[in-house]
Amino acid sequence: MLAGIAIAPAQTPNPPQPAAPEPPPGFRTPTPPKPVSDEYLLLGNETRGSGEAQFVIDPIDPNTIVAVGMGTWQIIPGCDAPNVNCKDFHNFPYSTLPVSAITHDGGRTWEHFILPILSGDFTRCPDEFAGATKDGVLIMGCEPRETDPVKVDPFGESAVVVSDDHGKTWSKRVDGINSYNKPPYPMFDTSLKPRFGGNSPWDRPWLSIDDSTDAVYLFDSGGETDIDTGTPGKYRTQSYFTVSHDKAHSFGTIRATDSLEWPQAARASVAAGHGKLAEVYVASKVPAGEDAQCPCEVFGISADEGKTFTRHVLKNVSVPPSATSRASGPDGGGALSGLVADQTTPGRFTAMRYVAQPAPHYELTTTNDNGATWSDFVSVGAAPGALRLIKPAIMYSREGVLGMVWKVVYPPDQSYELWSAISKDGGKTFSDPLRISHDRSPARQYYRDSHNDDTDGLDLTGDSLFAIWGDTRAGFQGSWFGKVDLSSYQFSSH
């Protein structure tokens, strides 16, 4: 051996391998089966994730779809990884932005942008929502908030921007329910005493649009009041709404969903159709003539855009005391939520409740006479092996198909999938559950994900169901978008 030089041992050459056999003439590689659903990541990335996304399909041009999500930093200055929650996001300008995307080819390609709704002191915008009038006016919104280096939840509002040209351009911000209660903002009815603090009275906005009248209702479920609690500063729940008569280019007087005789004990849900505004909520008390033990489920109907309501207790709905915090928590509770209107059938409204035992599932009930009578509850949403079901969304298409999506959470790791079902007969029967997400998402990681994901989104065309939901399969919480042909839903169990 030469000094200082190591000689490698001799290597035995690999024996020659036989050549791979040629496929027989005419052979073609089998095409794998086409997935029932299409799905992909749409909003969010490693730097700014996305949660609570919503979207809307243009009724005039279904190839045009606009989506918006709560795009939040995945790291805060001064927070050591992985604890991204060591400081409050409300203190940082632009820590939450309305990340958005629009497609004009049915979802094959998308253009990403930030919804043009922030200006001046408004530097954050969570809790996104979306809607469209029957003639294709697109309405996108969120909660423009002030930020402050010390205060938590400084003043803000729910607001929208509007596109009259199918998403090509957007209006200036249109103010809605707010903390300011002075011009140029919409004003509260003088009989009300909302709490202006935290994110009351404008928390968790939604839109409900009456196709028969073109009224656009902006509804916020998370307000509070001390008008009748007996103690100033001791608040109870009170939800608020305002209506637009010019397709969301302006909003009018802000009103409450309840009254002093029918006070709320939990958040309300509203829906509009055929000249009626309907509501459901849990009340802490009702007039003696109702002969009801409360907390109890109340249904109200208005023919004058919410100036007055006719209310009654739903005797077929049993509400335990635990339902007063949120109408449908993770363990059930029996209270109604998710009220929706069928624009094809006057008098038809549907609401849902969550039932945890013996197996987690949702139940829906429908009225066809503006709430005078209600159907027996119809079960939907069972999934084998589910630990619980969360984040439901329901809606009627403009063709009268009732669609529903929800997340199925599995033990032991809290992973989850998005499932769906439809009804073609006004909620009498439902299809077998159909999974939209192709694989399970890991559970949300509290110390790494910087935002919640309280809601999922749903819309339907004449032939397809579309959904958007929070998912962490990409390594961060993003908003995933999916589509299922209505023809894929099976009704074999009915």
Protein backbone atom coordinates (compact mmCIF):
# COMPACT_ATOMS: atom_id res chain seq x y z
CA MET A 1 0.00 0.00 0.00
CA LEU A 2 1.31 3.42 -0.82
CA ALA A 3 1.85 5.60 2.21
CA GLY A 4 -1.05 7.89 2.97
CA ILE A 5 -3.32 6.49 0.28
CA ALA A 6 -6.19 4.15 1.06
CA ILE A 7 -6.95 1.58 -1.60
CA ALA A 8 -10.65 0.77 -1.93
CA PRO A 9 -11.49 -2.91 -2.03
CA ALA A 10 -12.31 -4.33 -5.40
CA GLN A 11 -15.99 -3.97 -6.32
CA THR A 12 -17.90 -6.85 -7.80
CA PRO A 13 -19.78 -5.50 -10.83
CA ASN A 14 -23.55 -5.84 -10.72
CA PRO A 15 -24.77 -8.57 -13.00
CA PRO A 16 -26.63 -7.31 -16.07
CA GLN A 17 -30.39 -6.95 -15.55
CA PRO A 18 -32.86 -8.27 -18.07
CA ALA A 19 -34.61 -5.60 -20.10
CA ALA A 20 -38.17 -4.77 -19.08
CA PRO A 21 -40.61 -6.60 -21.31
CA GLU A 22 -42.30 -4.50 -23.95
CA PRO A 23 -46.07 -4.12 -23.52
CA PRO A 24 -48.12 -6.15 -25.98
CA PRO A 25 -49.29 -4.35 -29.13
CA GLY A 26 -52.26 -2.04 -28.48
CA PHE A 27 -51.69 -2.00 -24.71
CA ARG A 28 -52.57 1.27 -22.90
CA THR A 29 -51.87 2.10 -19.26
CA PRO A 30 -55.19 1.92 -17.38
CA THR A 31 -56.66 5.30 -16.52
CA PRO A 32 -57.26 5.56 -12.76
CA PRO A 33 -60.87 6.20 -11.73
CA LYS A 34 -61.86 9.83 -11.76
CA PRO A 35 -62.42 11.23 -8.24
CA VAL A 36 -66.03 11.97 -7.45
CA SER A 37 -65.05 15.49 -6.37
CA ASP A 38 -62.52 18.02 -7.56
CA GLU A 39 -60.57 19.86 -4.84
CA TYR A 40 -57.48 22.03 -4.43
CA LEU A 41 -55.88 24.69 -2.25
CA LEU A 42 -57.19 28.12 -3.26
CA LEU A 43 -56.32 30.72 -0.60
CA GLY A 44 -53.42 31.05 1.84
CA ASN A 45 -49.71 30.24 1.90
CA GLU A 46 -46.83 29.65 4.31
CA THR A 47 -46.68 33.33 5.28
CA ARG A 48 -50.35 34.33 5.41
CA GLY A 49 -52.82 31.50 5.85
CA SER A 50 -56.56 31.60 5.22
CA GLY A 51 -59.56 30.68 7.34
CA GLU A 52 -63.32 31.28 7.49
CA ALA A 53 -63.43 31.66 3.72
CA GLN A 54 -66.65 32.29 1.82
CA PHE A 55 -67.42 32.55 -1.90
CA VAL A 56 -70.23 33.20 -4.35
CA ILE A 57 -71.02 32.07 -7.89
CA ASP A 58 -72.30 34.66 -10.35
CA PRO A 59 -75.92 33.62 -11.16
CA ILE A 60 -75.68 35.20 -14.62
CA ASP A 61 -72.29 33.69 -15.50
CA PRO A 62 -71.58 30.57 -13.37
CA ASN A 63 -68.02 30.49 -14.68
CA THR A 64 -67.38 33.60 -12.56
CA ILE A 65 -66.70 32.75 -8.91
CA VAL A 66 -65.28 35.07 -6.25
CA ALA A 67 -63.78 33.79 -2.98
CA VAL A 68 -62.51 35.67 0.06
CA GLY A 69 -60.75 34.36 3.17
CA MET A 70 -59.45 35.63 6.49
CA GLY A 71 -55.79 35.87 5.55
CA THR A 72 -53.82 36.10 8.77
CA TRP A 73 -50.11 36.23 9.54
CA GLN A 74 -48.62 32.93 10.56
CA ILE A 75 -46.08 34.75 12.72
CA ILE A 76 -46.35 37.88 14.88
CA PRO A 77 -43.39 40.18 15.54
CA GLY A 78 -42.01 39.36 18.97
CA CYS A 79 -43.45 35.84 19.12
CA ASP A 80 -40.96 33.00 19.22
CA ALA A 81 -41.84 30.06 17.00
CA PRO A 82 -43.92 28.03 17.26
CA ASN A 83 -46.10 30.10 19.62
CA VAL A 84 -47.67 32.41 17.07
CA ASN A 85 -50.41 33.33 19.56
CA CYS A 86 -48.23 35.02 22.17
CA LYS A 87 -49.64 38.44 21.26
CA ASP A 88 -53.06 39.58 20.09
CA PHE A 89 -53.55 40.07 16.37
CA HIS A 90 -55.94 42.94 17.02
CA ASN A 91 -52.97 45.14 17.92
CA PHE A 92 -51.20 44.86 14.56
CA PRO A 93 -52.19 46.67 11.34
CA TYR A 94 -52.65 44.36 8.35
CA SER A 95 -52.20 41.23 10.47
CA THR A 96 -55.47 40.04 8.90
CA LEU A 97 -56.34 40.86 5.29
CA PRO A 98 -59.23 39.72 3.05
CA VAL A 99 -57.24 37.48 0.69
CA SER A 100 -59.36 36.94 -2.41
CA ALA A 101 -59.46 35.18 -5.75
CA ILE A 102 -61.68 35.36 -8.83
CA THR A 103 -62.13 32.98 -11.74
CA HIS A 104 -63.94 33.57 -15.02
CA ASP A 105 -63.48 30.02 -16.34
CA GLY A 106 -65.21 27.94 -13.68
CA GLY A 107 -62.16 27.47 -11.49
CA ARG A 108 -59.54 26.35 -14.02
CA THR A 109 -57.53 29.55 -13.45
CA TRP A 110 -57.74 32.18 -10.71
CA GLU A 111 -56.53 35.75 -10.22
CA HIS A 112 -55.56 36.52 -6.61
CA PHE A 113 -56.00 39.94 -5.00
CA ILE A 114 -56.78 41.69 -1.71
CA LEU A 115 -60.41 42.75 -1.46
CA PRO A 116 -60.35 46.60 -1.76
CA ILE A 117 -62.27 47.34 1.44
CA LEU A 118 -59.63 48.78 3.84
CA SER A 119 -58.74 52.47 4.10
CA GLY A 120 -58.02 55.12 6.71
CA ASP A 121 -58.10 53.77 10.27
CA PHE A 122 -59.44 50.41 9.12
CA THR A 123 -56.38 48.16 8.91
CA ARG A 124 -57.72 44.63 9.55
CA CYS A 125 -60.67 42.70 8.11
CA PRO A 126 -61.63 39.23 9.43
CA ASP A 127 -64.93 37.26 9.29
CA GLU A 128 -65.42 37.25 5.53
CA PHE A 129 -68.80 36.75 3.82
CA ALA A 130 -70.24 36.83 0.29
CA GLY A 131 -73.45 36.93 -1.74
CA ALA A 132 -74.97 37.80 -5.10
CA THR A 133 -78.29 39.15 -6.31
CA LYS A 134 -80.20 37.12 -8.88
CA ASP A 135 -79.07 39.50 -11.66
CA GLY A 136 -75.37 39.04 -10.91
CA VAL A 137 -74.43 41.88 -8.56
CA LEU A 138 -71.57 40.43 -6.49
CA ILE A 139 -71.30 41.43 -2.83
CA MET A 140 -68.18 40.65 -0.80
CA GLY A 141 -67.55 41.73 2.78
CA CYS A 142 -65.76 41.37 6.08
CA GLU A 143 -65.23 43.35 9.31
CA PRO A 144 -63.04 46.42 8.75
CA ARG A 145 -61.44 47.06 12.14
CA GLU A 146 -59.22 49.67 13.67
CA THR A 147 -56.01 48.43 15.25
CA ASP A 148 -54.38 49.72 18.40
CA PRO A 149 -51.07 48.80 20.09
CA VAL A 150 -52.80 48.37 23.47
CA LYS A 151 -56.55 47.83 23.08
CA VAL A 152 -58.08 44.47 22.24
CA ASP A 153 -60.91 44.61 19.71
CA PRO A 154 -61.06 48.37 19.07
CA PHE A 155 -63.98 49.80 17.11
CA GLY A 156 -64.99 48.55 13.69
CA GLU A 157 -67.94 47.46 11.58
CA SER A 158 -69.27 44.97 9.06
CA ALA A 159 -69.05 46.33 5.52
CA VAL A 160 -69.12 45.29 1.87
CA VAL A 161 -67.79 46.17 -1.55
CA VAL A 162 -69.99 45.62 -4.60
CA SER A 163 -69.30 44.69 -8.21
CA ASP A 164 -71.89 45.53 -10.87
CA ASP A 165 -69.72 44.15 -13.70
CA HIS A 166 -69.14 40.53 -12.65
CA GLY A 167 -66.00 41.16 -10.63
CA LYS A 168 -64.09 43.39 -13.04
CA THR A 169 -64.32 46.45 -10.73
CA TRP A 170 -65.44 47.04 -7.13
CA SER A 171 -67.20 49.90 -5.37
CA LYS A 172 -65.85 51.87 -2.46
CA ARG A 173 -66.53 50.44 0.98
CA VAL A 174 -70.23 50.40 1.91
CA ASP A 175 -70.65 50.76 5.68
CA GLY A 176 -72.97 48.43 7.58
CA ILE A 177 -73.52 47.56 11.24
CA ASN A 178 -70.92 49.49 13.21
CA SER A 179 -69.52 50.82 16.49
CA TYR A 180 -69.94 54.47 15.54
CA ASN A 181 -73.69 55.07 15.23
CA LYS A 182 -73.33 58.45 13.55
CA PRO A 183 -73.40 59.71 9.95
CA PRO A 184 -72.23 58.64 7.45
CA TYR A 185 -72.60 55.22 9.08
CA PRO A 186 -76.03 53.54 9.28
CA MET A 187 -77.76 54.38 12.57
CA PHE A 188 -79.35 52.08 15.13
CA ASP A 189 -83.06 52.32 15.80
CA THR A 190 -83.45 54.74 18.72
CA SER A 191 -85.21 52.09 20.83
CA LEU A 192 -82.03 49.98 20.98
CA LYS A 193 -79.07 50.09 23.33
CA PRO A 194 -76.32 47.98 21.77
CA ARG A 195 -72.98 47.42 23.40
CA PHE A 196 -70.24 49.31 21.56
CA GLY A 197 -67.16 47.42 22.67
CA GLY A 198 -65.16 44.37 21.81
CA ASN A 199 -66.60 43.29 18.49
CA SER A 200 -70.19 43.96 19.49
CA PRO A 201 -72.49 44.84 17.74
CA TRP A 202 -70.94 43.77 14.41
CA ASP A 203 -69.47 40.31 15.01
CA ARG A 204 -69.97 37.49 12.44
CA PRO A 205 -71.76 39.05 9.47
CA TRP A 206 -73.88 37.19 6.91
CA LEU A 207 -75.97 38.16 3.89
CA SER A 208 -79.49 37.02 3.08
CA ILE A 209 -80.99 38.16 -0.22
CA ASP A 210 -84.68 38.08 -1.15
CA ASP A 211 -84.87 37.36 -4.88
CA SER A 212 -88.52 38.44 -5.07
CA THR A 213 -87.90 41.97 -3.77
CA ASP A 214 -84.13 42.43 -4.32
CA ALA A 215 -83.80 43.34 -0.62
CA VAL A 216 -80.30 42.61 0.67
CA TYR A 217 -80.13 41.93 4.40
CA LEU A 218 -76.82 42.37 6.24
CA PHE A 219 -77.07 40.43 9.49
CA ASP A 220 -74.61 40.32 12.42
CA SER A 221 -75.24 37.60 14.99
CA GLY A 222 -72.75 38.52 17.70
CA GLY A 223 -74.07 41.71 19.30
CA GLU A 224 -74.88 42.41 22.94
CA THR A 225 -77.07 44.72 25.01
CA ASP A 226 -77.76 45.58 28.65
CA ILE A 227 -81.09 47.24 27.90
CA ASP A 228 -83.05 44.80 30.09
CA THR A 229 -80.51 42.93 32.22
CA GLY A 230 -81.14 45.09 35.27
CA THR A 231 -77.46 45.93 35.66
CA PRO A 232 -75.53 48.39 33.46
CA GLY A 233 -72.57 46.58 31.95
CA LYS A 234 -74.16 43.15 32.38
CA TYR A 235 -74.81 42.13 28.81
CA ARG A 236 -76.89 39.52 27.02
CA THR A 237 -76.91 38.45 23.37
CA GLN A 238 -78.74 40.57 20.81
CA SER A 239 -78.30 40.15 17.04
CA TYR A 240 -78.76 42.97 14.52
CA PHE A 241 -79.60 43.48 10.86
CA THR A 242 -80.01 46.21 8.27
CA VAL A 243 -81.53 46.15 4.80
CA SER A 244 -80.46 47.61 1.46
CA HIS A 245 -82.86 48.54 -1.35
CA ASP A 246 -80.14 49.38 -3.89
CA LYS A 247 -78.32 46.03 -4.09
CA ALA A 248 -75.94 46.70 -1.20
CA HIS A 249 -74.75 50.13 -2.32
CA SER A 250 -76.18 51.55 0.93
CA PHE A 251 -77.88 50.27 4.09
CA GLY A 252 -80.62 51.70 6.27
CA THR A 253 -81.69 51.68 9.92
CA ILE A 254 -80.16 48.94 12.07
CA ARG A 255 -82.71 46.82 13.96
CA ALA A 256 -82.63 43.93 16.43
CA THR A 257 -83.88 40.42 15.77
CA ASP A 258 -85.54 40.18 19.21
CA SER A 259 -87.67 42.41 21.44
CA LEU A 260 -88.03 43.13 25.16
CA GLU A 261 -90.91 40.63 25.35
CA TRP A 262 -88.93 37.99 23.43
CA PRO A 263 -85.27 38.53 24.50
CA GLN A 264 -82.47 36.47 23.02
CA ALA A 265 -80.37 34.07 25.06
CA ALA A 266 -78.24 32.90 22.11
CA ARG A 267 -77.32 34.11 18.65
CA ALA A 268 -80.07 34.33 16.05
CA SER A 269 -80.23 33.07 12.49
CA VAL A 270 -82.21 34.83 9.73
CA ALA A 271 -83.31 34.15 6.16
CA ALA A 272 -85.29 36.12 3.58
CA GLY A 273 -87.49 35.08 0.68
CA HIS A 274 -90.77 35.95 -1.08
CA GLY A 275 -91.19 39.20 0.80
CA LYS A 276 -90.70 37.65 4.24
CA LEU A 277 -87.84 37.89 6.74
CA ALA A 278 -87.70 34.90 9.09
CA GLU A 279 -85.66 34.28 12.22
CA VAL A 280 -84.94 31.54 14.77
CA TYR A 281 -83.23 31.97 18.14
CA VAL A 282 -83.20 30.73 21.71
CA ALA A 283 -85.12 33.10 24.00
CA SER A 284 -84.64 33.49 27.74
CA LYS A 285 -88.33 34.27 28.23
CA VAL A 286 -91.53 34.69 26.20
CA PRO A 287 -94.99 36.12 26.87
CA ALA A 288 -97.09 34.09 29.31
CA GLY A 289 -99.60 33.23 26.61
CA GLU A 290 -97.01 30.98 24.95
CA ASP A 291 -97.15 28.61 27.96
CA ALA A 292 -93.50 27.66 27.49
CA GLN A 293 -90.55 26.83 29.70
CA CYS A 294 -87.46 28.80 28.68
CA PRO A 295 -84.81 28.80 27.38
CA CYS A 296 -86.97 27.97 24.37
CA GLU A 297 -86.76 28.08 20.58
CA VAL A 298 -88.54 31.04 18.95
CA PHE A 299 -89.50 31.48 15.31
CA GLY A 300 -90.40 34.93 13.98
CA ILE A 301 -91.72 36.10 10.63
CA SER A 302 -91.88 39.66 9.28
CA ALA A 303 -93.67 41.05 6.25
CA ASP A 304 -92.24 44.58 6.63
CA GLU A 305 -88.49 43.89 6.40
CA GLY A 306 -88.07 43.37 10.13
CA LYS A 307 -89.81 46.45 11.48
CA THR A 308 -92.24 44.09 13.23
CA PHE A 309 -92.24 40.32 13.78
CA THR A 310 -94.92 37.79 14.60
CA ARG A 311 -93.30 35.23 16.90
CA HIS A 312 -94.15 31.91 18.51
CA VAL A 313 -92.37 29.17 20.44
CA LEU A 314 -91.49 26.02 18.48
CA LYS A 315 -92.91 23.39 20.80
CA ASN A 316 -91.29 20.55 18.82
CA VAL A 317 -87.78 21.79 19.71
CA SER A 318 -86.42 21.04 23.17
CA VAL A 319 -83.69 23.42 24.29
CA PRO A 320 -81.49 22.53 27.30
CA PRO A 321 -79.86 25.32 29.36
CA SER A 322 -76.48 24.56 27.74
CA ALA A 323 -77.78 25.87 24.40
CA THR A 324 -77.85 29.46 25.60
CA SER A 325 -74.15 30.06 24.91
CA ARG A 326 -74.13 29.05 21.25
CA ALA A 327 -77.07 27.65 19.30
CA SER A 328 -75.29 24.50 18.13
CA GLY A 329 -72.10 23.71 19.97
CA PRO A 330 -69.82 20.71 19.46
CA ASP A 331 -71.84 18.52 21.82
CA GLY A 332 -75.24 19.18 20.32
CA GLY A 333 -77.84 20.85 22.48
CA GLY A 334 -80.86 20.68 20.24
CA ALA A 335 -81.23 24.36 19.35
CA LEU A 336 -81.83 25.43 15.76
CA SER A 337 -79.37 27.32 13.55
CA GLY A 338 -78.59 27.82 9.87
CA LEU A 339 -82.04 29.04 8.82
CA VAL A 340 -82.32 29.21 5.01
CA ALA A 341 -85.07 30.21 2.56
CA ASP A 342 -86.08 28.46 -0.66
CA GLN A 343 -86.40 31.17 -3.33
CA THR A 344 -88.45 28.82 -5.54
CA THR A 345 -91.21 28.08 -3.00
CA PRO A 346 -93.07 30.76 -1.02
CA GLY A 347 -93.29 30.00 2.68
CA ARG A 348 -90.48 27.42 2.73
CA PHE A 349 -87.73 27.77 5.32
CA THR A 350 -85.39 25.07 6.64
CA ALA A 351 -83.31 25.00 9.83
CA MET A 352 -80.90 22.45 11.31
CA ARG A 353 -79.73 21.17 14.65
CA TYR A 354 -76.80 19.01 15.74
CA VAL A 355 -77.36 15.76 17.60
CA ALA A 356 -74.34 14.11 19.24
CA GLN A 357 -75.84 10.80 20.40
CA PRO A 358 -75.98 7.92 19.71
CA ALA A 359 -73.91 8.83 16.64
CA PRO A 360 -73.10 12.41 15.57
CA HIS A 361 -75.49 13.67 12.90
CA TYR A 362 -77.49 16.68 11.80
CA GLU A 363 -81.26 16.92 11.70
CA LEU A 364 -83.26 19.36 9.57
CA THR A 365 -86.83 20.56 9.81
CA THR A 366 -88.79 22.48 7.17
CA THR A 367 -91.84 24.72 7.10
CA ASN A 368 -93.85 25.31 3.93
CA ASP A 369 -96.26 27.83 5.46
CA ASN A 370 -94.01 30.57 6.87
CA GLY A 371 -93.48 28.79 10.16
CA ALA A 372 -97.06 27.87 11.08
CA THR A 373 -96.20 24.15 10.95
CA TRP A 374 -92.92 22.24 10.72
CA SER A 375 -91.96 18.83 9.43
CA ASP A 376 -90.58 16.03 11.55
CA PHE A 377 -86.81 16.20 11.83
CA VAL A 378 -84.96 14.46 8.99
CA SER A 379 -81.51 13.00 9.71
CA VAL A 380 -78.53 13.81 7.51
CA GLY A 381 -74.78 13.79 7.93
CA ALA A 382 -73.99 10.47 9.59
CA ALA A 383 -70.44 9.27 8.94
CA PRO A 384 -68.86 6.03 10.20
CA GLY A 385 -66.25 6.45 12.91
CA ALA A 386 -66.94 10.15 13.51
CA LEU A 387 -65.93 11.65 16.84
CA ARG A 388 -68.08 14.71 16.13
CA LEU A 389 -69.33 16.90 13.28
CA ILE A 390 -68.48 20.61 13.02
CA LYS A 391 -68.70 23.68 10.76
CA PRO A 392 -71.97 22.94 8.93
CA ALA A 393 -73.24 25.13 6.09
CA ILE A 394 -76.60 24.81 4.30
CA MET A 395 -78.34 26.68 1.50
CA TYR A 396 -80.97 26.35 -1.20
CA SER A 397 -79.85 26.80 -4.77
CA ARG A 398 -81.86 29.15 -6.95
CA GLU A 399 -83.23 25.97 -8.56
CA GLY A 400 -84.54 24.71 -5.21
CA VAL A 401 -81.91 22.07 -4.37
CA LEU A 402 -80.97 22.04 -0.69
CA GLY A 403 -77.24 21.49 -0.16
CA MET A 404 -75.25 20.89 3.00
CA VAL A 405 -71.57 20.49 3.89
CA TRP A 406 -69.89 19.73 7.21
CA LYS A 407 -66.61 18.51 8.67
CA VAL A 408 -66.25 15.02 10.13
CA VAL A 409 -63.70 14.90 12.97
CA TYR A 410 -62.05 11.54 13.72
CA PRO A 411 -60.41 10.10 16.82
CA PRO A 412 -57.81 9.98 18.16
CA ASP A 413 -55.91 12.80 16.44
CA GLN A 414 -58.77 15.22 15.59
CA SER A 415 -58.07 14.92 11.85
CA TYR A 416 -61.03 15.75 9.65
CA GLU A 417 -62.65 15.59 6.21
CA LEU A 418 -65.32 17.62 4.42
CA TRP A 419 -68.56 15.78 3.60
CA SER A 420 -71.78 16.81 1.86
CA ALA A 421 -75.35 15.85 1.00
CA ILE A 422 -78.26 17.26 -1.00
CA SER A 423 -82.04 17.16 -0.99
CA LYS A 424 -84.12 17.53 -4.15
CA ASP A 425 -87.52 17.54 -2.44
CA GLY A 426 -87.37 20.47 -0.05
CA GLY A 427 -85.73 18.63 2.83
CA LYS A 428 -87.98 15.56 2.91
CA THR A 429 -85.17 13.18 1.96
CA PHE A 430 -81.41 13.51 1.62
CA SER A 431 -78.77 11.78 -0.43
CA ASP A 432 -76.20 9.47 1.06
CA PRO A 433 -73.30 11.48 2.51
CA LEU A 434 -70.54 12.12 -0.05
CA ARG A 435 -66.98 13.07 0.86
CA ILE A 436 -65.52 16.11 -0.93
CA SER A 437 -61.98 16.30 0.48
CA HIS A 438 -59.80 13.53 -0.93
CA ASP A 439 -57.84 12.95 2.28
CA ARG A 440 -57.93 13.86 5.94
CA SER A 441 -56.60 17.17 7.13
CA PRO A 442 -54.39 17.19 10.21
CA ALA A 443 -55.96 18.92 13.16
CA ARG A 444 -55.42 22.65 13.48
CA GLN A 445 -52.25 23.35 15.45
CA TYR A 446 -53.02 26.06 17.97
CA TYR A 447 -49.46 27.28 18.43
CA ARG A 448 -48.67 27.41 14.73
CA ASP A 449 -51.94 28.46 13.11
CA SER A 450 -52.63 32.11 13.74
CA HIS A 451 -56.33 32.19 12.99
CA ASN A 452 -59.56 30.35 13.62
CA ASP A 453 -61.71 28.63 11.05
CA ASP A 454 -65.22 29.01 12.41
CA THR A 455 -67.12 28.68 9.14
CA ASP A 456 -67.11 26.85 5.82
CA GLY A 457 -68.73 28.08 2.59
CA LEU A 458 -71.23 26.59 0.15
CA ASP A 459 -72.90 27.52 -3.14
CA LEU A 460 -74.75 25.60 -5.85
CA THR A 461 -75.48 25.92 -9.53
CA GLY A 462 -78.08 23.98 -11.50
CA ASP A 463 -75.72 21.01 -11.86
CA SER A 464 -72.96 21.29 -9.23
CA LEU A 465 -72.27 21.81 -5.53
CA PHE A 466 -69.22 23.90 -4.61
CA ALA A 467 -67.58 24.29 -1.20
CA ILE A 468 -64.71 26.07 0.51
CA TRP A 469 -63.21 25.01 3.83
CA GLY A 470 -60.19 25.34 6.10
CA ASP A 471 -57.63 22.55 5.70
CA THR A 472 -54.02 22.03 6.82
CA ARG A 473 -52.85 19.32 4.41
CA ALA A 474 -50.47 21.81 2.74
CA GLY A 475 -48.54 22.27 5.99
CA PHE A 476 -50.42 25.45 6.92
CA GLN A 477 -54.06 26.38 7.31
CA GLY A 478 -55.40 27.31 3.89
CA SER A 479 -58.82 27.52 2.28
CA TRP A 480 -59.49 24.61 -0.07
CA PHE A 481 -62.05 24.71 -2.87
CA GLY A 482 -64.07 21.76 -4.10
CA LYS A 483 -66.77 20.81 -6.59
CA VAL A 484 -69.16 17.85 -6.95
CA ASP A 485 -71.60 17.23 -9.80
CA LEU A 486 -75.12 16.90 -8.42
CA SER A 487 -75.48 13.73 -10.49
CA SER A 488 -72.84 12.11 -8.25
CA TYR A 489 -75.13 12.09 -5.21
CA GLN A 490 -76.86 8.76 -4.59
CA PHE A 491 -80.16 8.19 -2.82
CA SER A 492 -79.74 4.46 -2.29
CA SER A 493 -80.74 4.50 1.36
CA HIS A 494 -84.16 6.03 0.70
